[in-house]
Amino acid sequence: MTQPSHPTFIQIETTLACNAECPFCSHATLTRRPRRMEDWLWKKIIDETRGLGVTYRPFLINEPLADHRLGEIMRYIRRDDTARIELNSNGELMPASTSSASRSTGSAKRRSRSRAWDSTTR
C-alpha cells in the first residue's frame, strides 16, 4: 500500500473552549495552553497545504462553534477550491447568525453530537 505524499485530513484546534460537560470526554481535565490558537498559526497551516485536496476539521477536543472566528476560518479554507471542511459539533451554540455564516462559506460537511449523556439518560 502506498503512503500519500501529504495528509488527507487536518484537524486544527483553534480554541480549547467547549460548552458541554460530557462524562466520557477529557476536556474538563485539559491543562494545555494556549487556550486559543493565534491567527497567524492556523493561517500558516492552511497556507502550507493549499491545493492538496485536504479535508480540514477545525475541531478536536473542543466545540468549534465556541470560536467566534469560525466563519473567518471557514472562508479562509474555502479560498482553496480543492479543500473540504468537516465540522463536528454538539450544536448547542448554533444561533441563526452562525448557521447563516456557515452556509455562506460554501459546502461544509456538518455532524452533530447528540446530548445522549445528560441527566435524563443516566
PDB file of N, CA and C in Angstrom:
ATOM      1  N   MET A   1       0.844  -1.179   0.000  1.00  0.00           N
ATOM      2  CA  MET A   1       0.000   0.000   0.000  1.00  0.00           C
ATOM      3  C   MET A   1       0.887   1.239   0.000  1.00  0.00           C
ATOM      4  N   THR A   2       0.586   2.160  -0.873  1.00  0.00           N
ATOM      5  CA  THR A   2       1.380   3.379  -0.999  1.00  0.00           C
ATOM      6  C   THR A   2       0.893   4.450  -0.025  1.00  0.00           C
ATOM      7  N   GLN A   3       1.837   5.105   0.604  1.00  0.00           N
ATOM      8  CA  GLN A   3       1.517   6.198   1.515  1.00  0.00           C
ATOM      9  C   GLN A   3       1.291   7.470   0.707  1.00  0.00           C
ATOM     10  N   PRO A   4       0.264   8.262   1.055  1.00  0.00           N
ATOM     11  CA  PRO A   4       0.069   9.536   0.353  1.00  0.00           C
ATOM     12  C   PRO A   4       1.219  10.491   0.650  1.00  0.00           C
ATOM     13  N   SER A   5       1.461  11.404  -0.272  1.00  0.00           N
ATOM     14  CA  SER A   5       2.568  12.355  -0.102  1.00  0.00           C
ATOM     15  C   SER A   5       2.220  13.507   0.827  1.00  0.00           C
ATOM     16  N   HIS A   6       0.960  13.596   1.205  1.00  0.00           N
ATOM     17  CA  HIS A   6       0.512  14.669   2.102  1.00  0.00           C
ATOM     18  C   HIS A   6      -0.698  14.173   2.894  1.00  0.00           C
ATOM     19  N   PRO A   7      -1.031  14.860   3.979  1.00  0.00           N
ATOM     20  CA  PRO A   7      -2.179  14.430   4.778  1.00  0.00           C
ATOM     21  C   PRO A   7      -3.489  14.620   4.015  1.00  0.00           C
ATOM     22  N   THR A   8      -4.413  13.712   4.256  1.00  0.00           N
ATOM     23  CA  THR A   8      -5.743  13.804   3.652  1.00  0.00           C
ATOM     24  C   THR A   8      -6.667  14.635   4.529  1.00  0.00           C
ATOM     25  N   PHE A   9      -6.496  14.513   5.829  1.00  0.00           N
ATOM     26  CA  PHE A   9      -7.305  15.229   6.817  1.00  0.00           C
ATOM     27  C   PHE A   9      -6.375  15.984   7.757  1.00  0.00           C
ATOM     28  N   ILE A  10      -6.762  17.218   8.093  1.00  0.00           N
ATOM     29  CA  ILE A  10      -6.012  18.009   9.067  1.00  0.00           C
ATOM     30  C   ILE A  10      -7.002  18.573  10.075  1.00  0.00           C
ATOM     31  N   GLN A  11      -6.785  18.237  11.353  1.00  0.00           N
ATOM     32  CA  GLN A  11      -7.609  18.794  12.425  1.00  0.00           C
ATOM     33  C   GLN A  11      -6.873  19.982  13.011  1.00  0.00           C
ATOM     34  N   ILE A  12      -7.570  21.118  13.063  1.00  0.00           N
ATOM     35  CA  ILE A  12      -6.979  22.351  13.583  1.00  0.00           C
ATOM     36  C   ILE A  12      -7.803  22.776  14.792  1.00  0.00           C
ATOM     37  N   GLU A  13      -7.236  22.635  15.963  1.00  0.00           N
ATOM     38  CA  GLU A  13      -7.935  23.001  17.196  1.00  0.00           C
ATOM     39  C   GLU A  13      -7.637  24.472  17.496  1.00  0.00           C
ATOM     40  N   THR A  14      -8.506  25.369  17.009  1.00  0.00           N
ATOM     41  CA  THR A  14      -8.262  26.804  17.130  1.00  0.00           C
ATOM     42  C   THR A  14      -8.608  27.362  18.498  1.00  0.00           C
ATOM     43  N   THR A  15      -9.366  26.607  19.277  1.00  0.00           N
ATOM     44  CA  THR A  15      -9.718  27.008  20.636  1.00  0.00           C
ATOM     45  C   THR A  15      -9.873  25.750  21.483  1.00  0.00           C
ATOM     46  N   LEU A  16      -9.678  25.885  22.775  1.00  0.00           N
ATOM     47  CA  LEU A  16      -9.931  24.764  23.679  1.00  0.00           C
ATOM     48  C   LEU A  16     -11.313  24.868  24.315  1.00  0.00           C
ATOM     49  N   ALA A  17     -12.077  25.894  23.958  1.00  0.00           N
ATOM     50  CA  ALA A  17     -13.382  26.141  24.569  1.00  0.00           C
ATOM     51  C   ALA A  17     -14.390  25.046  24.211  1.00  0.00           C
ATOM     52  N   CYS A  18     -15.229  24.711  25.183  1.00  0.00           N
ATOM     53  CA  CYS A  18     -16.333  23.787  24.958  1.00  0.00           C
ATOM     54  C   CYS A  18     -17.423  24.098  25.980  1.00  0.00           C
ATOM     55  N   ASN A  19     -18.654  24.081  25.516  1.00  0.00           N
ATOM     56  CA  ASN A  19     -19.787  24.385  26.387  1.00  0.00           C
ATOM     57  C   ASN A  19     -20.413  23.140  27.004  1.00  0.00           C
ATOM     58  N   ALA A  20     -19.999  21.967  26.580  1.00  0.00           N
ATOM     59  CA  ALA A  20     -20.600  20.724  27.074  1.00  0.00           C
ATOM     60  C   ALA A  20     -19.788  20.141  28.237  1.00  0.00           C
ATOM     61  N   GLU A  21     -20.408  19.261  28.977  1.00  0.00           N
ATOM     62  CA  GLU A  21     -19.743  18.565  30.076  1.00  0.00           C
ATOM     63  C   GLU A  21     -19.992  17.070  29.940  1.00  0.00           C
ATOM     64  N   CYS A  22     -19.576  16.505  28.840  1.00  0.00           N
ATOM     65  CA  CYS A  22     -19.801  15.090  28.568  1.00  0.00           C
ATOM     66  C   CYS A  22     -18.928  14.235  29.492  1.00  0.00           C
ATOM     67  N   PRO A  23     -19.510  13.264  30.187  1.00  0.00           N
ATOM     68  CA  PRO A  23     -18.734  12.480  31.149  1.00  0.00           C
ATOM     69  C   PRO A  23     -17.657  11.604  30.512  1.00  0.00           C
ATOM     70  N   PHE A  24     -17.761  11.316  29.239  1.00  0.00           N
ATOM     71  CA  PHE A  24     -16.777  10.473  28.567  1.00  0.00           C
ATOM     72  C   PHE A  24     -15.615  11.275  27.989  1.00  0.00           C
ATOM     73  N   CYS A  25     -15.683  12.603  28.040  1.00  0.00           N
ATOM     74  CA  CYS A  25     -14.689  13.462  27.399  1.00  0.00           C
ATOM     75  C   CYS A  25     -13.650  13.954  28.404  1.00  0.00           C
ATOM     76  N   SER A  26     -12.410  14.057  27.951  1.00  0.00           N
ATOM     77  CA  SER A  26     -11.313  14.509  28.823  1.00  0.00           C
ATOM     78  C   SER A  26     -11.180  16.027  28.846  1.00  0.00           C
ATOM     79  N   HIS A  27     -12.069  16.740  28.189  1.00  0.00           N
ATOM     80  CA  HIS A  27     -11.949  18.195  28.076  1.00  0.00           C
ATOM     81  C   HIS A  27     -11.795  18.892  29.429  1.00  0.00           C
ATOM     82  N   ALA A  28     -12.559  18.480  30.416  1.00  0.00           N
ATOM     83  CA  ALA A  28     -12.538  19.140  31.734  1.00  0.00           C
ATOM     84  C   ALA A  28     -11.176  19.033  32.423  1.00  0.00           C
ATOM     85  N   THR A  29     -10.376  18.064  32.047  1.00  0.00           N
ATOM     86  CA  THR A  29      -9.077  17.872  32.702  1.00  0.00           C
ATOM     87  C   THR A  29      -7.905  18.423  31.891  1.00  0.00           C
ATOM     88  N   LEU A  30      -8.182  19.066  30.753  1.00  0.00           N
ATOM     89  CA  LEU A  30      -7.106  19.591  29.919  1.00  0.00           C
ATOM     90  C   LEU A  30      -6.351  20.716  30.626  1.00  0.00           C
ATOM     91  N   THR A  31      -5.056  20.673  30.519  1.00  0.00           N
ATOM     92  CA  THR A  31      -4.228  21.742  31.086  1.00  0.00           C
ATOM     93  C   THR A  31      -3.369  22.393  30.008  1.00  0.00           C
ATOM     94  N   ARG A  32      -3.587  22.007  28.755  1.00  0.00           N
ATOM     95  CA  ARG A  32      -2.794  22.560  27.649  1.00  0.00           C
ATOM     96  C   ARG A  32      -2.990  24.058  27.514  1.00  0.00           C
ATOM     97  N   ARG A  33      -1.987  24.713  26.986  1.00  0.00           N
ATOM     98  CA  ARG A  33      -2.045  26.131  26.687  1.00  0.00           C
ATOM     99  C   ARG A  33      -1.410  26.345  25.328  1.00  0.00           C
ATOM    100  N   PRO A  34      -1.699  27.347  24.580  1.00  0.00           N
ATOM    101  CA  PRO A  34      -2.659  28.398  24.904  1.00  0.00           C
ATOM    102  C   PRO A  34      -4.092  27.918  24.667  1.00  0.00           C
ATOM    103  N   ARG A  35      -5.042  28.600  25.248  1.00  0.00           N
ATOM    104  CA  ARG A  35      -6.458  28.247  25.109  1.00  0.00           C
ATOM    105  C   ARG A  35      -6.982  28.602  23.717  1.00  0.00           C
ATOM    106  N   ARG A  36      -6.293  29.486  23.023  1.00  0.00           N
ATOM    107  CA  ARG A  36      -6.734  29.952  21.700  1.00  0.00           C
ATOM    108  C   ARG A  36      -5.529  29.986  20.764  1.00  0.00           C
ATOM    109  N   MET A  37      -5.662  29.357  19.586  1.00  0.00           N
ATOM    110  CA  MET A  37      -4.587  29.379  18.602  1.00  0.00           C
ATOM    111  C   MET A  37      -4.531  30.764  17.949  1.00  0.00           C
ATOM    112  N   GLU A  38      -3.344  31.299  17.809  1.00  0.00           N
ATOM    113  CA  GLU A  38      -3.186  32.607  17.184  1.00  0.00           C
ATOM    114  C   GLU A  38      -3.507  32.515  15.693  1.00  0.00           C
ATOM    115  N   ASP A  39      -4.036  33.625  15.160  1.00  0.00           N
ATOM    116  CA  ASP A  39      -4.461  33.651  13.760  1.00  0.00           C
ATOM    117  C   ASP A  39      -3.336  33.277  12.792  1.00  0.00           C
ATOM    118  N   TRP A  40      -2.151  33.772  13.032  1.00  0.00           N
ATOM    119  CA  TRP A  40      -1.049  33.506  12.110  1.00  0.00           C
ATOM    120  C   TRP A  40      -0.767  32.016  11.989  1.00  0.00           C
ATOM    121  N   LEU A  41      -0.997  31.259  13.075  1.00  0.00           N
ATOM    122  CA  LEU A  41      -0.667  29.836  13.063  1.00  0.00           C
ATOM    123  C   LEU A  41      -1.676  29.020  12.253  1.00  0.00           C
ATOM    124  N   TRP A  42      -2.996  29.230  12.489  1.00  0.00           N
ATOM    125  CA  TRP A  42      -3.946  28.455  11.686  1.00  0.00           C
ATOM    126  C   TRP A  42      -3.885  28.868  10.222  1.00  0.00           C
ATOM    127  N   LYS A  43      -3.578  30.131   9.937  1.00  0.00           N
ATOM    128  CA  LYS A  43      -3.415  30.555   8.537  1.00  0.00           C
ATOM    129  C   LYS A  43      -2.192  29.894   7.908  1.00  0.00           C
ATOM    130  N   LYS A  44      -1.118  29.757   8.656  1.00  0.00           N
ATOM    131  CA  LYS A  44       0.098  29.106   8.167  1.00  0.00           C
ATOM    132  C   LYS A  44      -0.170  27.639   7.828  1.00  0.00           C
ATOM    133  N   ILE A  45      -0.891  26.952   8.697  1.00  0.00           N
ATOM    134  CA  ILE A  45      -1.226  25.540   8.453  1.00  0.00           C
ATOM    135  C   ILE A  45      -2.014  25.402   7.157  1.00  0.00           C
ATOM    136  N   ILE A  46      -2.999  26.254   6.977  1.00  0.00           N
ATOM    137  CA  ILE A  46      -3.836  26.205   5.773  1.00  0.00           C
ATOM    138  C   ILE A  46      -3.025  26.599   4.539  1.00  0.00           C
ATOM    139  N   ASP A  47      -2.244  27.675   4.637  1.00  0.00           N
ATOM    140  CA  ASP A  47      -1.449  28.134   3.501  1.00  0.00           C
ATOM    141  C   ASP A  47      -0.463  27.067   3.017  1.00  0.00           C
ATOM    142  N   GLU A  48       0.120  26.337   3.960  1.00  0.00           N
ATOM    143  CA  GLU A  48       1.125  25.330   3.596  1.00  0.00           C
ATOM    144  C   GLU A  48       0.517  24.074   2.990  1.00  0.00           C
ATOM    145  N   THR A  49      -0.804  23.952   3.027  1.00  0.00           N
ATOM    146  CA  THR A  49      -1.451  22.755   2.494  1.00  0.00           C
ATOM    147  C   THR A  49      -2.474  23.083   1.402  1.00  0.00           C
ATOM    148  N   ARG A  50      -2.452  24.295   0.900  1.00  0.00           N
ATOM    149  CA  ARG A  50      -3.371  24.695  -0.181  1.00  0.00           C
ATOM    150  C   ARG A  50      -3.117  23.877  -1.449  1.00  0.00           C
ATOM    151  N   GLY A  51      -4.211  23.567  -2.147  1.00  0.00           N
ATOM    152  CA  GLY A  51      -4.108  22.864  -3.423  1.00  0.00           C
ATOM    153  C   GLY A  51      -3.887  21.371  -3.321  1.00  0.00           C
ATOM    154  N   LEU A  52      -3.913  20.837  -2.113  1.00  0.00           N
ATOM    155  CA  LEU A  52      -3.644  19.411  -1.918  1.00  0.00           C
ATOM    156  C   LEU A  52      -4.909  18.575  -1.748  1.00  0.00           C
ATOM    157  N   GLY A  53      -6.081  19.198  -1.826  1.00  0.00           N
ATOM    158  CA  GLY A  53      -7.330  18.443  -1.663  1.00  0.00           C
ATOM    159  C   GLY A  53      -7.555  17.962  -0.244  1.00  0.00           C
ATOM    160  N   VAL A  54      -7.105  18.727   0.717  1.00  0.00           N
ATOM    161  CA  VAL A  54      -7.196  18.361   2.135  1.00  0.00           C
ATOM    162  C   VAL A  54      -8.609  18.610   2.669  1.00  0.00           C
ATOM    163  N   THR A  55      -9.054  17.741   3.560  1.00  0.00           N
ATOM    164  CA  THR A  55     -10.275  17.980   4.326  1.00  0.00           C
ATOM    165  C   THR A  55      -9.839  18.532   5.678  1.00  0.00           C
ATOM    166  N   TYR A  56     -10.265  19.763   5.960  1.00  0.00           N
ATOM    167  CA  TYR A  56      -9.911  20.425   7.219  1.00  0.00           C
ATOM    168  C   TYR A  56     -11.016  20.189   8.229  1.00  0.00           C
ATOM    169  N   ARG A  57     -10.620  19.896   9.442  1.00  0.00           N
ATOM    170  CA  ARG A  57     -11.547  19.689  10.542  1.00  0.00           C
ATOM    171  C   ARG A  57     -11.155  20.642  11.672  1.00  0.00           C
ATOM    172  N   PRO A  58     -11.836  21.807  11.745  1.00  0.00           N
ATOM    173  CA  PRO A  58     -11.463  22.774  12.794  1.00  0.00           C
ATOM    174  C   PRO A  58     -12.043  22.400  14.164  1.00  0.00           C
ATOM    175  N   PHE A  59     -11.708  21.202  14.635  1.00  0.00           N
ATOM    176  CA  PHE A  59     -12.139  20.738  15.949  1.00  0.00           C
ATOM    177  C   PHE A  59     -11.234  19.593  16.367  1.00  0.00           C
ATOM    178  N   LEU A  60     -11.197  19.313  17.643  1.00  0.00           N
ATOM    179  CA  LEU A  60     -10.513  18.139  18.176  1.00  0.00           C
ATOM    180  C   LEU A  60     -11.200  17.827  19.503  1.00  0.00           C
ATOM    181  N   ILE A  61     -10.664  18.321  20.614  1.00  0.00           N
ATOM    182  CA  ILE A  61     -11.333  18.158  21.909  1.00  0.00           C
ATOM    183  C   ILE A  61     -11.876  19.525  22.285  1.00  0.00           C
ATOM    184  N   ASN A  62     -12.808  20.018  21.496  1.00  0.00           N
ATOM    185  CA  ASN A  62     -13.366  21.338  21.718  1.00  0.00           C
ATOM    186  C   ASN A  62     -14.704  21.443  20.995  1.00  0.00           C
ATOM    187  N   GLU A  63     -15.348  22.569  21.134  1.00  0.00           N
ATOM    188  CA  GLU A  63     -16.580  22.883  20.403  1.00  0.00           C
ATOM    189  C   GLU A  63     -16.218  23.964  19.386  1.00  0.00           C
ATOM    190  N   PRO A  64     -16.181  23.631  18.102  1.00  0.00           N
ATOM    191  CA  PRO A  64     -15.750  24.622  17.107  1.00  0.00           C
ATOM    192  C   PRO A  64     -16.630  25.870  17.062  1.00  0.00           C
ATOM    193  N   LEU A  65     -17.914  25.748  17.389  1.00  0.00           N
ATOM    194  CA  LEU A  65     -18.801  26.907  17.367  1.00  0.00           C
ATOM    195  C   LEU A  65     -18.512  27.891  18.500  1.00  0.00           C
ATOM    196  N   ALA A  66     -17.684  27.487  19.468  1.00  0.00           N
ATOM    197  CA  ALA A  66     -17.306  28.386  20.561  1.00  0.00           C
ATOM    198  C   ALA A  66     -16.237  29.387  20.115  1.00  0.00           C
ATOM    199  N   ASP A  67     -15.644  29.158  18.953  1.00  0.00           N
ATOM    200  CA  ASP A  67     -14.642  30.083  18.426  1.00  0.00           C
ATOM    201  C   ASP A  67     -15.347  31.095  17.529  1.00  0.00           C
ATOM    202  N   HIS A  68     -15.387  32.355  17.969  1.00  0.00           N
ATOM    203  CA  HIS A  68     -16.081  33.393  17.203  1.00  0.00           C
ATOM    204  C   HIS A  68     -15.450  33.621  15.831  1.00  0.00           C
ATOM    205  N   ARG A  69     -14.269  33.079  15.600  1.00  0.00           N
ATOM    206  CA  ARG A  69     -13.584  33.233  14.316  1.00  0.00           C
ATOM    207  C   ARG A  69     -13.934  32.134  13.320  1.00  0.00           C
ATOM    208  N   LEU A  70     -14.830  31.228  13.667  1.00  0.00           N
ATOM    209  CA  LEU A  70     -15.108  30.065  12.819  1.00  0.00           C
ATOM    210  C   LEU A  70     -15.497  30.467  11.393  1.00  0.00           C
ATOM    211  N   GLY A  71     -16.370  31.445  11.235  1.00  0.00           N
ATOM    212  CA  GLY A  71     -16.751  31.894   9.895  1.00  0.00           C
ATOM    213  C   GLY A  71     -15.553  32.361   9.093  1.00  0.00           C
ATOM    214  N   GLU A  72     -14.679  33.136   9.734  1.00  0.00           N
ATOM    215  CA  GLU A  72     -13.459  33.624   9.073  1.00  0.00           C
ATOM    216  C   GLU A  72     -12.553  32.460   8.683  1.00  0.00           C
ATOM    217  N   ILE A  73     -12.400  31.505   9.591  1.00  0.00           N
ATOM    218  CA  ILE A  73     -11.547  30.342   9.331  1.00  0.00           C
ATOM    219  C   ILE A  73     -12.094  29.541   8.151  1.00  0.00           C
ATOM    220  N   MET A  74     -13.399  29.314   8.128  1.00  0.00           N
ATOM    221  CA  MET A  74     -14.004  28.556   7.039  1.00  0.00           C
ATOM    222  C   MET A  74     -13.873  29.302   5.705  1.00  0.00           C
ATOM    223  N   ARG A  75     -14.070  30.605   5.714  1.00  0.00           N
ATOM    224  CA  ARG A  75     -13.899  31.380   4.479  1.00  0.00           C
ATOM    225  C   ARG A  75     -12.448  31.309   3.991  1.00  0.00           C
ATOM    226  N   TYR A  76     -11.503  31.338   4.915  1.00  0.00           N
ATOM    227  CA  TYR A  76     -10.082  31.258   4.557  1.00  0.00           C
ATOM    228  C   TYR A  76      -9.775  29.903   3.911  1.00  0.00           C
ATOM    229  N   ILE A  77     -10.310  28.840   4.480  1.00  0.00           N
ATOM    230  CA  ILE A  77     -10.121  27.497   3.913  1.00  0.00           C
ATOM    231  C   ILE A  77     -10.718  27.426   2.511  1.00  0.00           C
ATOM    232  N   ARG A  78     -11.924  27.977   2.339  1.00  0.00           N
ATOM    233  CA  ARG A  78     -12.645  27.870   1.068  1.00  0.00           C
ATOM    234  C   ARG A  78     -12.002  28.671  -0.062  1.00  0.00           C
ATOM    235  N   ARG A  79     -10.987  29.455   0.208  1.00  0.00           N
ATOM    236  CA  ARG A  79     -10.240  30.116  -0.870  1.00  0.00           C
ATOM    237  C   ARG A  79      -9.568  29.079  -1.764  1.00  0.00           C
ATOM    238  N   ASP A  80      -9.417  27.885  -1.244  1.00  0.00           N
ATOM    239  CA  ASP A  80      -8.820  26.770  -1.980  1.00  0.00           C
ATOM    240  C   ASP A  80      -9.960  25.901  -2.510  1.00  0.00           C
ATOM    241  N   ASP A  81     -10.106  25.858  -3.827  1.00  0.00           N
ATOM    242  CA  ASP A  81     -11.187  25.081  -4.441  1.00  0.00           C
ATOM    243  C   ASP A  81     -11.070  23.576  -4.203  1.00  0.00           C
ATOM    244  N   THR A  82      -9.884  23.098  -3.846  1.00  0.00           N
ATOM    245  CA  THR A  82      -9.714  21.657  -3.620  1.00  0.00           C
ATOM    246  C   THR A  82      -9.998  21.259  -2.182  1.00  0.00           C
ATOM    247  N   ALA A  83     -10.159  22.240  -1.299  1.00  0.00           N
ATOM    248  CA  ALA A  83     -10.336  21.962   0.136  1.00  0.00           C
ATOM    249  C   ALA A  83     -11.773  21.588   0.464  1.00  0.00           C
ATOM    250  N   ARG A  84     -11.907  20.805   1.515  1.00  0.00           N
ATOM    251  CA  ARG A  84     -13.208  20.464   2.089  1.00  0.00           C
ATOM    252  C   ARG A  84     -13.154  20.774   3.578  1.00  0.00           C
ATOM    253  N   ILE A  85     -14.331  20.956   4.173  1.00  0.00           N
ATOM    254  CA  ILE A  85     -14.423  21.267   5.600  1.00  0.00           C
ATOM    255  C   ILE A  85     -15.405  20.296   6.231  1.00  0.00           C
ATOM    256  N   GLU A  86     -15.036  19.749   7.370  1.00  0.00           N
ATOM    257  CA  GLU A  86     -15.948  18.943   8.174  1.00  0.00           C
ATOM    258  C   GLU A  86     -16.009  19.533   9.570  1.00  0.00           C
ATOM    259  N   LEU A  87     -17.200  19.632  10.112  1.00  0.00           N
ATOM    260  CA  LEU A  87     -17.387  20.112  11.481  1.00  0.00           C
ATOM    261  C   LEU A  87     -18.081  19.036  12.292  1.00  0.00           C
ATOM    262  N   ASN A  88     -17.665  18.900  13.524  1.00  0.00           N
ATOM    263  CA  ASN A  88     -18.323  18.024  14.475  1.00  0.00           C
ATOM    264  C   ASN A  88     -18.678  18.898  15.664  1.00  0.00           C
ATOM    265  N   SER A  89     -19.965  19.023  15.959  1.00  0.00           N
ATOM    266  CA  SER A  89     -20.420  19.964  16.975  1.00  0.00           C
ATOM    267  C   SER A  89     -21.542  19.351  17.795  1.00  0.00           C
ATOM    268  N   ASN A  90     -21.692  19.823  19.030  1.00  0.00           N
ATOM    269  CA  ASN A  90     -22.865  19.420  19.798  1.00  0.00           C
ATOM    270  C   ASN A  90     -24.067  20.266  19.385  1.00  0.00           C
ATOM    271  N   GLY A  91     -23.854  21.311  18.603  1.00  0.00           N
ATOM    272  CA  GLY A  91     -24.921  22.106  18.012  1.00  0.00           C
ATOM    273  C   GLY A  91     -25.603  23.096  18.932  1.00  0.00           C
ATOM    274  N   GLU A  92     -25.264  23.083  20.199  1.00  0.00           N
ATOM    275  CA  GLU A  92     -25.954  23.955  21.155  1.00  0.00           C
ATOM    276  C   GLU A  92     -25.649  25.435  20.957  1.00  0.00           C
ATOM    277  N   LEU A  93     -24.547  25.762  20.311  1.00  0.00           N
ATOM    278  CA  LEU A  93     -24.173  27.163  20.105  1.00  0.00           C
ATOM    279  C   LEU A  93     -24.508  27.642  18.696  1.00  0.00           C
ATOM    280  N   MET A  94     -25.428  26.973  18.023  1.00  0.00           N
ATOM    281  CA  MET A  94     -25.739  27.285  16.627  1.00  0.00           C
ATOM    282  C   MET A  94     -26.902  28.263  16.526  1.00  0.00           C
ATOM    283  N   PRO A  95     -26.641  29.568  16.747  1.00  0.00           N
ATOM    284  CA  PRO A  95     -27.705  30.552  16.527  1.00  0.00           C
ATOM    285  C   PRO A  95     -27.893  30.768  15.029  1.00  0.00           C
ATOM    286  N   ALA A  96     -28.947  31.461  14.666  1.00  0.00           N
ATOM    287  CA  ALA A  96     -29.244  31.708  13.254  1.00  0.00           C
ATOM    288  C   ALA A  96     -28.081  32.391  12.553  1.00  0.00           C
ATOM    289  N   SER A  97     -27.393  33.317  13.225  1.00  0.00           N
ATOM    290  CA  SER A  97     -26.293  34.044  12.584  1.00  0.00           C
ATOM    291  C   SER A  97     -25.130  33.107  12.257  1.00  0.00           C
ATOM    292  N   THR A  98     -24.828  32.162  13.142  1.00  0.00           N
ATOM    293  CA  THR A  98     -23.752  31.208  12.879  1.00  0.00           C
ATOM    294  C   THR A  98     -24.155  30.279  11.751  1.00  0.00           C
ATOM    295  N   SER A  99     -25.399  29.860  11.756  1.00  0.00           N
ATOM    296  CA  SER A  99     -25.883  28.985  10.701  1.00  0.00           C
ATOM    297  C   SER A  99     -25.774  29.667   9.347  1.00  0.00           C
ATOM    298  N   SER A 100     -26.130  30.942   9.278  1.00  0.00           N
ATOM    299  CA  SER A 100     -26.029  31.702   8.025  1.00  0.00           C
ATOM    300  C   SER A 100     -24.578  31.843   7.596  1.00  0.00           C
ATOM    301  N   ALA A 101     -23.690  32.142   8.550  1.00  0.00           N
ATOM    302  CA  ALA A 101     -22.266  32.286   8.224  1.00  0.00           C
ATOM    303  C   ALA A 101     -21.709  30.975   7.701  1.00  0.00           C
ATOM    304  N   SER A 102     -22.124  29.873   8.298  1.00  0.00           N
ATOM    305  CA  SER A 102     -21.665  28.567   7.864  1.00  0.00           C
ATOM    306  C   SER A 102     -22.106  28.278   6.438  1.00  0.00           C
ATOM    307  N   ARG A 103     -23.346  28.583   6.116  1.00  0.00           N
ATOM    308  CA  ARG A 103     -23.845  28.350   4.762  1.00  0.00           C
ATOM    309  C   ARG A 103     -23.142  29.231   3.746  1.00  0.00           C
ATOM    310  N   SER A 104     -22.770  30.460   4.123  1.00  0.00           N
ATOM    311  CA  SER A 104     -22.162  31.386   3.175  1.00  0.00           C
ATOM    312  C   SER A 104     -20.712  31.037   2.856  1.00  0.00           C
ATOM    313  N   THR A 105     -20.111  30.104   3.576  1.00  0.00           N
ATOM    314  CA  THR A 105     -18.723  29.748   3.341  1.00  0.00           C
ATOM    315  C   THR A 105     -18.579  28.640   2.316  1.00  0.00           C
ATOM    316  N   GLY A 106     -19.657  28.189   1.739  1.00  0.00           N
ATOM    317  CA  GLY A 106     -19.596  27.086   0.787  1.00  0.00           C
ATOM    318  C   GLY A 106     -19.970  25.801   1.468  1.00  0.00           C
ATOM    319  N   SER A 107     -19.841  24.725   0.742  1.00  0.00           N
ATOM    320  CA  SER A 107     -20.291  23.460   1.298  1.00  0.00           C
ATOM    321  C   SER A 107     -19.339  22.980   2.377  1.00  0.00           C
ATOM    322  N   ALA A 108     -19.899  22.617   3.482  1.00  0.00           N
ATOM    323  CA  ALA A 108     -19.142  22.023   4.582  1.00  0.00           C
ATOM    324  C   ALA A 108     -19.951  20.854   5.090  1.00  0.00           C
ATOM    325  N   LYS A 109     -19.279  19.775   5.374  1.00  0.00           N
ATOM    326  CA  LYS A 109     -19.949  18.621   5.936  1.00  0.00           C
ATOM    327  C   LYS A 109     -20.131  18.899   7.419  1.00  0.00           C
ATOM    328  N   ARG A 110     -21.345  18.747   7.906  1.00  0.00           N
ATOM    329  CA  ARG A 110     -21.624  19.034   9.313  1.00  0.00           C
ATOM    330  C   ARG A 110     -22.124  17.779   9.999  1.00  0.00           C
ATOM    331  N   ARG A 111     -21.609  17.543  11.179  1.00  0.00           N
ATOM    332  CA  ARG A 111     -22.092  16.452  12.020  1.00  0.00           C
ATOM    333  C   ARG A 111     -22.419  17.051  13.369  1.00  0.00           C
ATOM    334  N   SER A 112     -23.419  16.524  14.015  1.00  0.00           N
ATOM    335  CA  SER A 112     -23.763  16.992  15.359  1.00  0.00           C
ATOM    336  C   SER A 112     -23.729  15.820  16.317  1.00  0.00           C
ATOM    337  N   ARG A 113     -23.158  16.067  17.477  1.00  0.00           N
ATOM    338  CA  ARG A 113     -23.209  15.077  18.556  1.00  0.00           C
ATOM    339  C   ARG A 113     -24.495  15.332  19.322  1.00  0.00           C
ATOM    340  N   SER A 114     -25.167  14.286  19.690  1.00  0.00           N
ATOM    341  CA  SER A 114     -26.377  14.484  20.485  1.00  0.00           C
ATOM    342  C   SER A 114     -26.000  14.561  21.954  1.00  0.00           C
ATOM    343  N   ARG A 115     -26.899  15.078  22.736  1.00  0.00           N
ATOM    344  CA  ARG A 115     -26.675  15.151  24.182  1.00  0.00           C
ATOM    345  C   ARG A 115     -27.167  13.856  24.817  1.00  0.00           C
ATOM    346  N   ALA A 116     -26.625  12.742  24.350  1.00  0.00           N
ATOM    347  CA  ALA A 116     -27.066  11.432  24.814  1.00  0.00           C
ATOM    348  C   ALA A 116     -26.648  11.153  26.251  1.00  0.00           C
ATOM    349  N   TRP A 117     -25.746  11.908  26.798  1.00  0.00           N
ATOM    350  CA  TRP A 117     -25.224  11.639  28.131  1.00  0.00           C
ATOM    351  C   TRP A 117     -25.663  12.700  29.127  1.00  0.00           C
ATOM    352  N   ASP A 118     -26.895  13.140  29.061  1.00  0.00           N
ATOM    353  CA  ASP A 118     -27.349  14.115  30.053  1.00  0.00           C
ATOM    354  C   ASP A 118     -28.058  13.410  31.207  1.00  0.00           C
ATOM    355  N   SER A 119     -28.546  14.165  32.156  1.00  0.00           N
ATOM    356  CA  SER A 119     -29.129  13.580  33.370  1.00  0.00           C
ATOM    357  C   SER A 119     -30.379  12.756  33.101  1.00  0.00           C
ATOM    358  N   THR A 120     -31.036  12.982  31.979  1.00  0.00           N
ATOM    359  CA  THR A 120     -32.257  12.213  31.692  1.00  0.00           C
ATOM    360  C   THR A 120     -31.957  10.825  31.157  1.00  0.00           C
ATOM    361  N   THR A 121     -30.728  10.541  30.764  1.00  0.00           N
ATOM    362  CA  THR A 121     -30.403   9.239  30.195  1.00  0.00           C
ATOM    363  C   THR A 121     -29.591   8.361  31.125  1.00  0.00           C
ATOM    364  N   ARG A 122     -29.271   8.842  32.280  1.00  0.00           N
ATOM    365  CA  ARG A 122     -28.459   8.036  33.218  1.00  0.00           C
ATOM    366  C   ARG A 122     -29.318   7.136  34.049  1.00  0.00           C
TER     367      ARG A 122
END
